[in-house]
């Protein structure tokens, strides 16, 4: 993960070069026109979130949203709050 604010003032080229590797699994589905949803499912030992991406056939947006809505309560994310990061104060 990139720390909050680490891309400020870098410009479009440097920002894209830094972020494209972080989003490498979304491009193929966008290019194919297939709906996809990313769902948080847990935490890694390093206290980083772990997710799963589900891709559906064309026209299955409603099904993916229903799936996401049914799985969201199981992960318990509504009850989680990020710990403040003192190295990046909120304005």
C-alpha atoms as a PDB file:
ATOM      1  CA  UNK A   1       0.000   0.000   0.000  1.00  0.00           C
ATOM      2  CA  UNK A   2       1.024   3.554  -0.652  1.00  0.00           C
ATOM      3  CA  UNK A   3       1.045   5.943   2.323  1.00  0.00           C
ATOM      4  CA  UNK A   4      -1.595   8.665   2.179  1.00  0.00           C
ATOM      5  CA  UNK A   5      -0.264  11.750   0.439  1.00  0.00           C
ATOM      6  CA  UNK A   6       2.778  10.039  -1.100  1.00  0.00           C
ATOM      7  CA  UNK A   7       1.705  10.957  -4.642  1.00  0.00           C
ATOM      8  CA  UNK A   8       0.882  14.598  -3.982  1.00  0.00           C
ATOM      9  CA  UNK A   9       2.591  16.907  -6.458  1.00  0.00           C
ATOM     10  CA  UNK A  10       4.090  14.107  -8.557  1.00  0.00           C
ATOM     11  CA  UNK A  11       2.193  14.827 -11.764  1.00  0.00           C
ATOM     12  CA  UNK A  12       0.221  12.477 -13.973  1.00  0.00           C
ATOM     13  CA  UNK A  13       3.118  10.481 -15.436  1.00  0.00           C
ATOM     14  CA  UNK A  14       4.836   9.645 -12.165  1.00  0.00           C
ATOM     15  CA  UNK A  15       1.515   8.982 -10.440  1.00  0.00           C
ATOM     16  CA  UNK A  16       0.417   6.513 -13.149  1.00  0.00           C
ATOM     17  CA  UNK A  17       3.800   4.773 -13.141  1.00  0.00           C
ATOM     18  CA  UNK A  18       3.492   4.286  -9.410  1.00  0.00           C
ATOM     19  CA  UNK A  19      -0.175   3.235  -9.321  1.00  0.00           C
ATOM     20  CA  UNK A  20      -0.607   0.997 -12.386  1.00  0.00           C
ATOM     21  CA  UNK A  21       1.052  -2.003 -10.692  1.00  0.00           C
ATOM     22  CA  UNK A  22      -1.424  -1.619  -7.814  1.00  0.00           C
ATOM     23  CA  UNK A  23      -4.410  -1.833 -10.142  1.00  0.00           C
ATOM     24  CA  UNK A  24      -3.209  -4.497 -12.551  1.00  0.00           C
ATOM     25  CA  UNK A  25      -6.179  -6.780 -11.949  1.00  0.00           C
ATOM     26  CA  UNK A  26      -8.871  -4.264 -12.880  1.00  0.00           C
ATOM     27  CA  UNK A  27      -7.778  -3.379 -16.422  1.00  0.00           C
ATOM     28  CA  UNK A  28      -8.567  -6.688 -18.140  1.00  0.00           C
ATOM     29  CA  UNK A  29     -12.162  -6.674 -16.895  1.00  0.00           C
ATOM     30  CA  UNK A  30     -12.640  -3.037 -17.877  1.00  0.00           C
ATOM     31  CA  UNK A  31     -11.250  -3.771 -21.350  1.00  0.00           C
ATOM     32  CA  UNK A  32     -13.555  -6.788 -21.750  1.00  0.00           C
ATOM     33  CA  UNK A  33     -16.587  -4.884 -20.495  1.00  0.00           C
ATOM     34  CA  UNK A  34     -17.231  -7.433 -17.764  1.00  0.00           C
ATOM     35  CA  UNK A  35     -18.524  -6.348 -14.362  1.00  0.00           C
ATOM     36  CA  UNK A  36     -16.340  -7.009 -11.350  1.00  0.00           C
ATOM     37  CA  UNK A  37     -16.454  -6.273  -7.649  1.00  0.00           C
ATOM     38  CA  UNK A  38     -13.701  -6.327  -5.053  1.00  0.00           C
ATOM     39  CA  UNK A  39     -14.699  -7.454  -1.578  1.00  0.00           C
ATOM     40  CA  UNK A  40     -12.743  -7.225   1.673  1.00  0.00           C
ATOM     41  CA  UNK A  41     -12.520 -10.635   3.296  1.00  0.00           C
ATOM     42  CA  UNK A  42     -10.016 -10.341   6.117  1.00  0.00           C
ATOM     43  CA  UNK A  43      -6.710  -9.025   7.397  1.00  0.00           C
ATOM     44  CA  UNK A  44      -3.199 -10.297   6.749  1.00  0.00           C
ATOM     45  CA  UNK A  45      -0.729 -10.745   9.586  1.00  0.00           C
ATOM     46  CA  UNK A  46       0.767  -7.328   8.721  1.00  0.00           C
ATOM     47  CA  UNK A  47      -2.644  -5.745   9.460  1.00  0.00           C
ATOM     48  CA  UNK A  48      -3.233  -5.123   5.768  1.00  0.00           C
ATOM     49  CA  UNK A  49      -6.644  -5.788   4.254  1.00  0.00           C
ATOM     50  CA  UNK A  50      -7.102  -8.839   2.053  1.00  0.00           C
ATOM     51  CA  UNK A  51      -9.771  -8.941  -0.612  1.00  0.00           C
ATOM     52  CA  UNK A  52     -11.188 -11.091  -3.346  1.00  0.00           C
ATOM     53  CA  UNK A  53     -12.240  -9.913  -6.793  1.00  0.00           C
ATOM     54  CA  UNK A  54     -15.298 -11.523  -8.344  1.00  0.00           C
ATOM     55  CA  UNK A  55     -15.938 -11.151 -12.072  1.00  0.00           C
ATOM     56  CA  UNK A  56     -19.276 -11.922 -13.659  1.00  0.00           C
ATOM     57  CA  UNK A  57     -20.567 -12.386 -17.172  1.00  0.00           C
ATOM     58  CA  UNK A  58     -21.781  -9.407 -19.180  1.00  0.00           C
ATOM     59  CA  UNK A  59     -24.939  -7.916 -17.700  1.00  0.00           C
ATOM     60  CA  UNK A  60     -24.492  -9.473 -14.259  1.00  0.00           C
ATOM     61  CA  UNK A  61     -24.015  -6.244 -12.286  1.00  0.00           C
ATOM     62  CA  UNK A  62     -27.141  -6.819 -10.208  1.00  0.00           C
ATOM     63  CA  UNK A  63     -26.038 -10.343  -9.314  1.00  0.00           C
ATOM     64  CA  UNK A  64     -22.571  -9.109  -8.266  1.00  0.00           C
ATOM     65  CA  UNK A  65     -24.095  -6.364  -6.127  1.00  0.00           C
ATOM     66  CA  UNK A  66     -26.395  -8.890  -4.424  1.00  0.00           C
ATOM     67  CA  UNK A  67     -23.420 -11.173  -3.803  1.00  0.00           C
ATOM     68  CA  UNK A  68     -21.389  -8.293  -2.359  1.00  0.00           C
ATOM     69  CA  UNK A  69     -24.280  -7.211  -0.141  1.00  0.00           C
ATOM     70  CA  UNK A  70     -24.720 -10.745   1.204  1.00  0.00           C
ATOM     71  CA  UNK A  71     -20.991 -11.239   1.905  1.00  0.00           C
ATOM     72  CA  UNK A  72     -20.271  -7.803   3.387  1.00  0.00           C
ATOM     73  CA  UNK A  73     -21.814  -8.501   6.822  1.00  0.00           C
ATOM     74  CA  UNK A  74     -19.860 -11.760   7.121  1.00  0.00           C
ATOM     75  CA  UNK A  75     -16.505  -9.957   6.925  1.00  0.00           C
ATOM     76  CA  UNK A  76     -17.445  -7.523   9.709  1.00  0.00           C
ATOM     77  CA  UNK A  77     -15.941  -4.494   7.980  1.00  0.00           C
ATOM     78  CA  UNK A  78     -18.609  -2.089   9.207  1.00  0.00           C
ATOM     79  CA  UNK A  79     -17.289  -2.534  12.738  1.00  0.00           C
ATOM     80  CA  UNK A  80     -13.645  -1.876  11.816  1.00  0.00           C
ATOM     81  CA  UNK A  81     -11.968   1.500  11.966  1.00  0.00           C
ATOM     82  CA  UNK A  82      -8.541   2.400  10.670  1.00  0.00           C
ATOM     83  CA  UNK A  83      -5.972   3.309  13.261  1.00  0.00           C
ATOM     84  CA  UNK A  84      -4.783   6.923  12.954  1.00  0.00           C
ATOM     85  CA  UNK A  85      -1.452   7.324  11.184  1.00  0.00           C
ATOM     86  CA  UNK A  86       0.487  10.082  12.899  1.00  0.00           C
ATOM     87  CA  UNK A  87       2.954  10.330  10.014  1.00  0.00           C
ATOM     88  CA  UNK A  88       0.181  11.652   7.745  1.00  0.00           C
ATOM     89  CA  UNK A  89      -1.980  14.067   9.758  1.00  0.00           C
ATOM     90  CA  UNK A  90      -5.441  14.850   8.479  1.00  0.00           C
ATOM     91  CA  UNK A  91      -5.840  18.496   7.376  1.00  0.00           C
END
